[in-house]
C-alpha atoms as a PDB file:
ATOM      1  CA  UNK A   1      -0.048   0.085  -0.060  1.00  0.00           C
ATOM      2  CA  UNK A   2       1.187   3.234  -0.948  1.00  0.00           C
ATOM      3  CA  UNK A   3      -0.205   6.323   0.634  1.00  0.00           C
ATOM      4  CA  UNK A   4       0.715   9.800   0.623  1.00  0.00           C
ATOM      5  CA  UNK A   5       1.088  10.869   4.336  1.00  0.00           C
ATOM      6  CA  UNK A   6       2.423  14.689   3.632  1.00  0.00           C
ATOM      7  CA  UNK A   7       2.835  16.542   6.659  1.00  0.00           C
ATOM      8  CA  UNK A   8      -0.349  18.321   7.752  1.00  0.00           C
ATOM      9  CA  UNK A   9      -1.798  19.581  10.919  1.00  0.00           C
ATOM     10  CA  UNK A  10      -4.064  16.353  11.303  1.00  0.00           C
ATOM     11  CA  UNK A  11      -1.914  14.177  10.243  1.00  0.00           C
ATOM     12  CA  UNK A  12      -4.389  12.865   7.648  1.00  0.00           C
ATOM     13  CA  UNK A  13      -3.945  11.654   3.865  1.00  0.00           C
ATOM     14  CA  UNK A  14      -4.017  14.549   1.351  1.00  0.00           C
ATOM     15  CA  UNK A  15      -4.913  12.116  -1.757  1.00  0.00           C
ATOM     16  CA  UNK A  16      -8.492  11.183  -1.739  1.00  0.00           C
ATOM     17  CA  UNK A  17      -7.826   7.966  -3.805  1.00  0.00           C
ATOM     18  CA  UNK A  18      -5.674   7.228  -0.120  1.00  0.00           C
ATOM     19  CA  UNK A  19      -8.786   7.185   1.684  1.00  0.00           C
ATOM     20  CA  UNK A  20     -10.249   3.844   0.215  1.00  0.00           C
ATOM     21  CA  UNK A  21      -6.966   2.012   0.014  1.00  0.00           C
ATOM     22  CA  UNK A  22      -5.780  -0.936   2.262  1.00  0.00           C
ATOM     23  CA  UNK A  23      -7.660  -3.523   4.453  1.00  0.00           C
ATOM     24  CA  UNK A  24     -10.595  -3.197   6.463  1.00  0.00           C
ATOM     25  CA  UNK A  25      -8.505  -2.511   9.935  1.00  0.00           C
ATOM     26  CA  UNK A  26      -6.384   0.363   8.470  1.00  0.00           C
ATOM     27  CA  UNK A  27      -9.320   1.743   6.500  1.00  0.00           C
ATOM     28  CA  UNK A  28     -11.496   1.357  10.099  1.00  0.00           C
ATOM     29  CA  UNK A  29      -8.716   2.888  11.572  1.00  0.00           C
ATOM     30  CA  UNK A  30      -8.472   5.793   8.965  1.00  0.00           C
ATOM     31  CA  UNK A  31     -11.827   6.721   9.409  1.00  0.00           C
ATOM     32  CA  UNK A  32     -11.436   7.115  13.054  1.00  0.00           C
ATOM     33  CA  UNK A  33      -8.801   9.169  12.517  1.00  0.00           C
ATOM     34  CA  UNK A  34     -10.787  11.557  10.304  1.00  0.00           C
ATOM     35  CA  UNK A  35     -13.698  11.609  12.842  1.00  0.00           C
ATOM     36  CA  UNK A  36     -11.391  12.386  16.108  1.00  0.00           C
ATOM     37  CA  UNK A  37     -10.150  15.054  13.422  1.00  0.00           C
ATOM     38  CA  UNK A  38     -13.942  16.500  12.539  1.00  0.00           C
ATOM     39  CA  UNK A  39     -13.018  15.661   9.141  1.00  0.00           C
ATOM     40  CA  UNK A  40     -16.568  14.091   9.342  1.00  0.00           C
ATOM     41  CA  UNK A  41     -17.328  14.046   5.249  1.00  0.00           C
ATOM     42  CA  UNK A  42     -13.932  12.388   4.907  1.00  0.00           C
ATOM     43  CA  UNK A  43     -15.031   9.687   7.458  1.00  0.00           C
ATOM     44  CA  UNK A  44     -18.219   9.303   6.642  1.00  0.00           C
ATOM     45  CA  UNK A  45     -17.298   8.557   2.358  1.00  0.00           C
ATOM     46  CA  UNK A  46     -14.717   5.980   4.443  1.00  0.00           C
ATOM     47  CA  UNK A  47     -17.655   4.466   6.554  1.00  0.00           C
ATOM     48  CA  UNK A  48     -20.255   4.010   3.935  1.00  0.00           C
ATOM     49  CA  UNK A  49     -17.823   1.502   2.187  1.00  0.00           C
ATOM     50  CA  UNK A  50     -17.190  -0.334   4.999  1.00  0.00           C
ATOM     51  CA  UNK A  51     -20.938   0.070   6.086  1.00  0.00           C
ATOM     52  CA  UNK A  52     -21.563  -1.538   2.330  1.00  0.00           C
ATOM     53  CA  UNK A  53     -18.869  -4.138   2.935  1.00  0.00           C
ATOM     54  CA  UNK A  54     -19.982  -5.531   6.040  1.00  0.00           C
ATOM     55  CA  UNK A  55     -23.769  -4.137   6.704  1.00  0.00           C
ATOM     56  CA  UNK A  56     -23.842  -6.781   9.350  1.00  0.00           C
ATOM     57  CA  UNK A  57     -21.328  -4.486  11.714  1.00  0.00           C
ATOM     58  CA  UNK A  58     -23.257  -2.098  13.654  1.00  0.00           C
ATOM     59  CA  UNK A  59     -20.388  -0.040  15.317  1.00  0.00           C
ATOM     60  CA  UNK A  60     -19.293   1.260  11.956  1.00  0.00           C
ATOM     61  CA  UNK A  61     -22.465   2.166  10.957  1.00  0.00           C
ATOM     62  CA  UNK A  62     -23.275   3.982  13.774  1.00  0.00           C
ATOM     63  CA  UNK A  63     -20.245   6.245  13.683  1.00  0.00           C
ATOM     64  CA  UNK A  64     -21.144   6.584  10.473  1.00  0.00           C
ATOM     65  CA  UNK A  65     -24.463   8.071  11.475  1.00  0.00           C
ATOM     66  CA  UNK A  66     -22.413  10.364  13.911  1.00  0.00           C
ATOM     67  CA  UNK A  67     -20.575  11.530  11.166  1.00  0.00           C
ATOM     68  CA  UNK A  68     -23.510  12.043   8.900  1.00  0.00           C
ATOM     69  CA  UNK A  69     -25.334  13.999  12.097  1.00  0.00           C
ATOM     70  CA  UNK A  70     -22.090  16.271  12.759  1.00  0.00           C
ATOM     71  CA  UNK A  71     -21.626  16.904   8.596  1.00  0.00           C
ATOM     72  CA  UNK A  72     -25.167  17.762   8.452  1.00  0.00           C
ATOM     73  CA  UNK A  73     -26.200  14.874   6.870  1.00  0.00           C
ATOM     74  CA  UNK A  74     -29.208  14.696   8.868  1.00  0.00           C
ATOM     75  CA  UNK A  75     -31.374  12.767   6.504  1.00  0.00           C
ATOM     76  CA  UNK A  76     -28.883  10.191   5.854  1.00  0.00           C
ATOM     77  CA  UNK A  77     -27.499   9.949   9.583  1.00  0.00           C
ATOM     78  CA  UNK A  78     -31.513   8.995  10.535  1.00  0.00           C
ATOM     79  CA  UNK A  79     -31.114   6.191   7.789  1.00  0.00           C
ATOM     80  CA  UNK A  80     -28.418   5.032   9.679  1.00  0.00           C
ATOM     81  CA  UNK A  81     -29.649   5.168  13.043  1.00  0.00           C
ATOM     82  CA  UNK A  82     -32.821   3.517  12.169  1.00  0.00           C
ATOM     83  CA  UNK A  83     -31.050   0.763  10.626  1.00  0.00           C
ATOM     84  CA  UNK A  84     -28.608   0.114  13.813  1.00  0.00           C
ATOM     85  CA  UNK A  85     -31.701   0.308  16.137  1.00  0.00           C
ATOM     86  CA  UNK A  86     -33.380  -2.921  14.001  1.00  0.00           C
ATOM     87  CA  UNK A  87     -29.980  -4.623  14.498  1.00  0.00           C
ATOM     88  CA  UNK A  88     -29.594  -3.865  17.921  1.00  0.00           C
ATOM     89  CA  UNK A  89     -32.866  -2.433  19.643  1.00  0.00           C
ATOM     90  CA  UNK A  90     -31.022  -1.978  23.136  1.00  0.00           C
ATOM     91  CA  UNK A  91     -27.660   0.561  21.306  1.00  0.00           C
ATOM     92  CA  UNK A  92     -28.986   3.249  24.002  1.00  0.00           C
ATOM     93  CA  UNK A  93     -26.778   5.720  21.808  1.00  0.00           C
ATOM     94  CA  UNK A  94     -27.996   5.077  18.471  1.00  0.00           C
ATOM     95  CA  UNK A  95     -31.548   5.758  20.476  1.00  0.00           C
ATOM     96  CA  UNK A  96     -29.883   8.738  21.869  1.00  0.00           C
ATOM     97  CA  UNK A  97     -28.362  10.210  18.831  1.00  0.00           C
ATOM     98  CA  UNK A  98     -31.858   9.505  16.672  1.00  0.00           C
ATOM     99  CA  UNK A  99     -33.302  11.144  19.072  1.00  0.00           C
ATOM    100  CA  UNK A 100     -30.929  14.655  18.589  1.00  0.00           C
ATOM    101  CA  UNK A 101     -31.073  14.028  14.571  1.00  0.00           C
ATOM    102  CA  UNK A 102     -34.882  14.292  15.063  1.00  0.00           C
ATOM    103  CA  UNK A 103     -34.906  17.039  16.765  1.00  0.00           C
ATOM    104  CA  UNK A 104     -32.587  18.790  14.706  1.00  0.00           C
ATOM    105  CA  UNK A 105     -34.889  18.352  12.019  1.00  0.00           C
ATOM    106  CA  UNK A 106     -37.132  20.118  13.883  1.00  0.00           C
ATOM    107  CA  UNK A 107     -39.054  16.951  14.793  1.00  0.00           C
ATOM    108  CA  UNK A 108     -39.395  17.280  18.213  1.00  0.00           C
ATOM    109  CA  UNK A 109     -42.631  15.338  19.008  1.00  0.00           C
ATOM    110  CA  UNK A 110     -40.993  12.190  17.090  1.00  0.00           C
ATOM    111  CA  UNK A 111     -37.801  12.666  19.184  1.00  0.00           C
ATOM    112  CA  UNK A 112     -39.071  12.293  22.417  1.00  0.00           C
ATOM    113  CA  UNK A 113     -39.928   8.463  22.701  1.00  0.00           C
ATOM    114  CA  UNK A 114     -35.834   7.647  21.344  1.00  0.00           C
ATOM    115  CA  UNK A 115     -34.403  10.465  23.980  1.00  0.00           C
ATOM    116  CA  UNK A 116     -36.812   8.555  26.652  1.00  0.00           C
ATOM    117  CA  UNK A 117     -35.856   4.782  25.628  1.00  0.00           C
ATOM    118  CA  UNK A 118     -31.930   6.048  25.524  1.00  0.00           C
ATOM    119  CA  UNK A 119     -32.469   7.671  29.436  1.00  0.00           C
ATOM    120  CA  UNK A 120     -34.496   4.628  30.500  1.00  0.00           C
ATOM    121  CA  UNK A 121     -30.954   2.165  29.229  1.00  0.00           C
ATOM    122  CA  UNK A 122     -28.636   4.550  31.029  1.00  0.00           C
ATOM    123  CA  UNK A 123     -30.797   4.094  34.154  1.00  0.00           C
ATOM    124  CA  UNK A 124     -31.813   7.668  34.052  1.00  0.00           C
ATOM    125  CA  UNK A 125     -35.661   8.258  34.383  1.00  0.00           C
ATOM    126  CA  UNK A 126     -36.713  11.536  33.785  1.00  0.00           C
ATOM    127  CA  UNK A 127     -39.336  13.890  36.044  1.00  0.00           C
ATOM    128  CA  UNK A 128     -42.386  13.854  34.415  1.00  0.00           C
END
């Protein structure tokens, strides 16, 4: 694998082609690096490929949803979060983020059940 790692403050590859090179583990690590560096759109491009290759994996899909959320791709984030919840109904963080996505879209009434479930999964029961 030849990857161009020119010096940059983020330490991220500069060539677009290098985003998609390497093993699954290397691309996962690269996606996490982009995400941690707040390069959410770049992380999403890598993660979308990983999710396509292994759709049963919840971890990459959840990180993809978060990358979409942070890059204001809210419909895409919602789609991925709903898939995570379908695959793992007790993934509390997916419920929380889906609630936040719905709130950010102005769909507050739809967000409430997801936010309540997330709180219940964490053991925090809101006072009514």
